[in-house]
C-alpha atoms as a PDB file:
ATOM      1  CA  MET A   1      67.265  -1.379  32.653  1.00  0.00           C
ATOM      2  CA  LYS A   2      64.333   0.841  33.210  1.00  0.00           C
ATOM      3  CA  ASN A   3      62.301  -0.534  30.381  1.00  0.00           C
ATOM      4  CA  GLN A   4      63.014  -4.195  31.722  1.00  0.00           C
ATOM      5  CA  PHE A   5      61.899  -3.144  35.212  1.00  0.00           C
ATOM      6  CA  LEU A   6      58.603  -1.655  33.755  1.00  0.00           C
ATOM      7  CA  LEU A   7      58.119  -4.844  31.425  1.00  0.00           C
ATOM      8  CA  CYS A   8      58.606  -7.212  34.307  1.00  0.00           C
ATOM      9  CA  GLY A   9      56.346  -5.027  36.714  1.00  0.00           C
ATOM     10  CA  GLY A  10      53.588  -5.136  34.019  1.00  0.00           C
ATOM     11  CA  ILE A  11      53.901  -8.797  33.211  1.00  0.00           C
ATOM     12  CA  GLY A  12      53.773  -9.497  36.920  1.00  0.00           C
ATOM     13  CA  TRP A  13      50.829  -7.592  37.402  1.00  0.00           C
ATOM     14  CA  CYS A  14      49.008  -9.259  34.454  1.00  0.00           C
ATOM     15  CA  LEU A  15      50.021 -12.699  35.726  1.00  0.00           C
ATOM     16  CA  GLU A  16      48.818 -11.950  39.286  1.00  0.00           C
ATOM     17  CA  ILE A  17      45.428 -10.577  37.979  1.00  0.00           C
ATOM     18  CA  LEU A  18      45.021 -13.841  35.742  1.00  0.00           C
ATOM     19  CA  TRP A  19      46.081 -16.056  38.640  1.00  0.00           C
ATOM     20  CA  THR A  20      43.670 -14.571  41.336  1.00  0.00           C
ATOM     21  CA  GLY A  21      40.812 -14.466  38.578  1.00  0.00           C
ATOM     22  CA  LEU A  22      41.296 -18.060  37.955  1.00  0.00           C
ATOM     23  CA  HIS A  23      41.348 -18.661  41.864  1.00  0.00           C
ATOM     24  CA  SER A  24      37.936 -16.843  42.101  1.00  0.00           C
ATOM     25  CA  LEU A  25      36.393 -19.972  40.253  1.00  0.00           C
ATOM     26  CA  GLN A  26      37.353 -22.052  43.296  1.00  0.00           C
ATOM     27  CA  LYS A  27      35.169 -19.744  45.403  1.00  0.00           C
ATOM     28  CA  GLY A  28      32.292 -20.246  42.979  1.00  0.00           C
ATOM     29  CA  GLU A  29      32.692 -16.553  41.578  1.00  0.00           C
ATOM     30  CA  SER A  30      31.886 -16.620  37.880  1.00  0.00           C
ATOM     31  CA  THR A  31      32.986 -13.075  37.411  1.00  0.00           C
ATOM     32  CA  LEU A  32      36.551 -14.159  37.436  1.00  0.00           C
ATOM     33  CA  CYS A  33      37.601 -10.898  39.111  1.00  0.00           C
ATOM     34  CA  GLY A  34      41.407 -10.780  39.623  1.00  0.00           C
ATOM     35  CA  THR A  35      43.131  -8.571  42.302  1.00  0.00           C
ATOM     36  CA  SER A  36      46.523  -7.151  42.874  1.00  0.00           C
ATOM     37  CA  SER A  37      48.147  -4.106  44.878  1.00  0.00           C
ATOM     38  CA  ILE A  38      50.275  -1.191  43.700  1.00  0.00           C
ATOM     39  CA  TRP A  39      52.931  -2.575  45.960  1.00  0.00           C
ATOM     40  CA  MET A  40      53.360  -5.572  43.588  1.00  0.00           C
ATOM     41  CA  PHE A  41      54.484  -3.683  40.664  1.00  0.00           C
ATOM     42  CA  PRO A  42      57.916  -2.891  41.872  1.00  0.00           C
ATOM     43  CA  ILE A  43      58.235  -6.383  43.499  1.00  0.00           C
ATOM     44  CA  TYR A  44      57.478  -7.886  40.131  1.00  0.00           C
ATOM     45  CA  GLY A  45      59.752  -5.221  38.479  1.00  0.00           C
ATOM     46  CA  LEU A  46      62.683  -6.720  40.369  1.00  0.00           C
ATOM     47  CA  ALA A  47      62.519  -9.725  38.061  1.00  0.00           C
ATOM     48  CA  PHE A  48      64.449  -7.594  35.509  1.00  0.00           C
ATOM     49  CA  VAL A  49      67.592  -8.996  37.325  1.00  0.00           C
ATOM     50  CA  ILE A  50      66.833 -12.392  35.667  1.00  0.00           C
ATOM     51  CA  GLY A  51      68.054 -10.820  32.363  1.00  0.00           C
ATOM     52  CA  PRO A  52      71.738 -10.293  33.322  1.00  0.00           C
ATOM     53  CA  ILE A  53      71.877 -13.200  35.696  1.00  0.00           C
ATOM     54  CA  SER A  54      70.712 -15.568  32.861  1.00  0.00           C
ATOM     55  CA  GLN A  55      73.756 -14.472  30.839  1.00  0.00           C
ATOM     56  CA  HIS A  56      75.890 -16.327  33.307  1.00  0.00           C
ATOM     57  CA  LEU A  57      73.639 -19.398  33.447  1.00  0.00           C
ATOM     58  CA  THR A  58      73.095 -19.995  29.756  1.00  0.00           C
ATOM     59  CA  ARG A  59      75.172 -23.252  29.938  1.00  0.00           C
ATOM     60  CA  LEU A  60      73.296 -24.589  32.816  1.00  0.00           C
ATOM     61  CA  PRO A  61      70.402 -27.063  32.304  1.00  0.00           C
ATOM     62  CA  PHE A  62      66.920 -25.497  32.426  1.00  0.00           C
ATOM     63  CA  PHE A  63      65.913 -27.407  35.580  1.00  0.00           C
ATOM     64  CA  LEU A  64      68.900 -25.884  37.536  1.00  0.00           C
ATOM     65  CA  ARG A  65      68.185 -22.308  36.067  1.00  0.00           C
ATOM     66  CA  GLY A  66      64.511 -22.729  37.108  1.00  0.00           C
ATOM     67  CA  THR A  67      65.413 -23.782  40.375  1.00  0.00           C
ATOM     68  CA  LEU A  68      67.833 -20.721  40.979  1.00  0.00           C
ATOM     69  CA  TYR A  69      65.088 -18.325  39.809  1.00  0.00           C
ATOM     70  CA  THR A  70      62.627 -20.075  42.142  1.00  0.00           C
ATOM     71  CA  ALA A  71      64.972 -19.562  45.095  1.00  0.00           C
ATOM     72  CA  GLY A  72      65.570 -15.766  43.989  1.00  0.00           C
ATOM     73  CA  ILE A  73      61.777 -15.308  43.661  1.00  0.00           C
ATOM     74  CA  TYR A  74      61.269 -16.803  47.174  1.00  0.00           C
ATOM     75  CA  PHE A  75      63.934 -14.601  48.646  1.00  0.00           C
ATOM     76  CA  ILE A  76      62.320 -11.356  47.038  1.00  0.00           C
ATOM     77  CA  GLU A  77      58.895 -12.461  48.108  1.00  0.00           C
ATOM     78  CA  TYR A  78      59.994 -13.132  51.716  1.00  0.00           C
ATOM     79  CA  THR A  79      62.138 -10.005  52.059  1.00  0.00           C
ATOM     80  CA  SER A  80      59.463  -7.663  50.573  1.00  0.00           C
ATOM     81  CA  GLY A  81      56.689  -9.380  52.518  1.00  0.00           C
ATOM     82  CA  THR A  82      58.612  -8.909  55.833  1.00  0.00           C
ATOM     83  CA  LEU A  83      59.333  -5.263  54.917  1.00  0.00           C
ATOM     84  CA  LEU A  84      55.760  -4.549  53.965  1.00  0.00           C
ATOM     85  CA  ARG A  85      54.357  -6.362  56.986  1.00  0.00           C
ATOM     86  CA  HIS A  86      56.452  -4.209  59.147  1.00  0.00           C
ATOM     87  CA  PHE A  87      54.552  -1.208  57.866  1.00  0.00           C
ATOM     88  CA  HIS A  88      51.087  -3.238  57.859  1.00  0.00           C
ATOM     89  CA  ALA A  89      51.092  -3.008  54.062  1.00  0.00           C
ATOM     90  CA  CYS A  90      51.712  -6.595  52.995  1.00  0.00           C
ATOM     91  CA  PRO A  91      49.032  -7.314  50.419  1.00  0.00           C
ATOM     92  CA  TRP A  92      49.276 -11.146  50.821  1.00  0.00           C
ATOM     93  CA  ASP A  93      48.940 -13.478  53.767  1.00  0.00           C
ATOM     94  CA  TYR A  94      49.427 -17.284  53.177  1.00  0.00           C
ATOM     95  CA  SER A  95      48.829 -18.199  56.747  1.00  0.00           C
ATOM     96  CA  ASN A  96      45.721 -20.240  56.012  1.00  0.00           C
ATOM     97  CA  SER A  97      47.647 -22.232  53.462  1.00  0.00           C
ATOM     98  CA  ARG A  98      49.128 -25.683  54.222  1.00  0.00           C
ATOM     99  CA  CYS A  99      52.634 -25.146  52.868  1.00  0.00           C
ATOM    100  CA  HIS A 100      53.437 -21.540  54.021  1.00  0.00           C
ATOM    101  CA  TYR A 101      56.456 -20.119  55.795  1.00  0.00           C
ATOM    102  CA  LYS A 102      55.623 -17.319  58.294  1.00  0.00           C
ATOM    103  CA  GLY A 103      52.466 -16.490  55.929  1.00  0.00           C
ATOM    104  CA  LEU A 104      54.891 -14.871  53.605  1.00  0.00           C
ATOM    105  CA  ILE A 105      55.743 -17.732  51.047  1.00  0.00           C
ATOM    106  CA  ARG A 106      54.025 -20.813  49.805  1.00  0.00           C
ATOM    107  CA  LEU A 107      56.145 -23.695  49.224  1.00  0.00           C
ATOM    108  CA  ASP A 108      53.464 -25.303  47.055  1.00  0.00           C
ATOM    109  CA  TYR A 109      53.956 -22.458  44.652  1.00  0.00           C
ATOM    110  CA  ALA A 110      57.428 -23.566  43.762  1.00  0.00           C
ATOM    111  CA  PRO A 111      56.358 -25.183  40.348  1.00  0.00           C
ATOM    112  CA  LEU A 112      54.560 -21.823  39.517  1.00  0.00           C
ATOM    113  CA  TRP A 113      57.762 -19.597  40.447  1.00  0.00           C
ATOM    114  CA  PHE A 114      59.953 -22.175  38.401  1.00  0.00           C
ATOM    115  CA  CYS A 115      57.881 -21.628  35.279  1.00  0.00           C
ATOM    116  CA  THR A 116      57.488 -17.843  36.011  1.00  0.00           C
ATOM    117  CA  GLY A 117      61.309 -17.441  36.361  1.00  0.00           C
ATOM    118  CA  LEU A 118      61.930 -19.274  33.063  1.00  0.00           C
ATOM    119  CA  PHE A 119      59.111 -17.161  31.396  1.00  0.00           C
ATOM    120  CA  TYR A 120      60.852 -14.020  32.542  1.00  0.00           C
ATOM    121  CA  GLU A 121      64.320 -15.418  31.271  1.00  0.00           C
ATOM    122  CA  LYS A 122      62.701 -15.941  27.883  1.00  0.00           C
ATOM    123  CA  ILE A 123      60.890 -12.590  27.718  1.00  0.00           C
ATOM    124  CA  LEU A 124      64.079 -10.667  28.834  1.00  0.00           C
ATOM    125  CA  ASN A 125      66.211 -12.558  26.247  1.00  0.00           C
ATOM    126  CA  ILE A 126      64.027 -11.831  23.273  1.00  0.00           C
ATOM    127  CA  GLY A 127      66.102 -10.224  20.702  1.00  0.00           C
ATOM    128  CA  THR A 128      69.356 -11.332  21.947  1.00  0.00           C
ATOM    129  CA  ASN A 129      71.684 -13.964  20.772  1.00  0.00           C
ATOM    130  CA  ARG A 130      71.493 -15.919  24.139  1.00  0.00           C
ATOM    131  CA  GLU A 131      69.846 -19.293  23.884  1.00  0.00           C
ATOM    132  CA  SER A 132      67.531 -20.568  26.777  1.00  0.00           C
ATOM    133  CA  PHE A 133      65.870 -23.861  27.267  1.00  0.00           C
END
């Protein structure tokens, strides 16, 4: 479990740095500098729960599994963001985005979280006999 937590935290950090680096292009920054926060590692690490959960979802269509993962990711993002905001430590604020909820989640990121959840499922099931997709 510890190894999966560390794996998910590291993958999440890499994905976030890639995502924010690509977003810098929109700002006209050719350096492609990506950013993250130490707080994000344990938040992304929580994705390790997708492994055991996916054991119970193997017979469901990928669309339903992805939707369930998206809902779980939104729950973790909102809950952790609320907690971090209470301590003035939340590293993200989506208040300037069109489709946000309380500045803590972006509803337009649903396709991204859908794919990310299925990606984590695949990574966490490598080497097992469980099928996905």
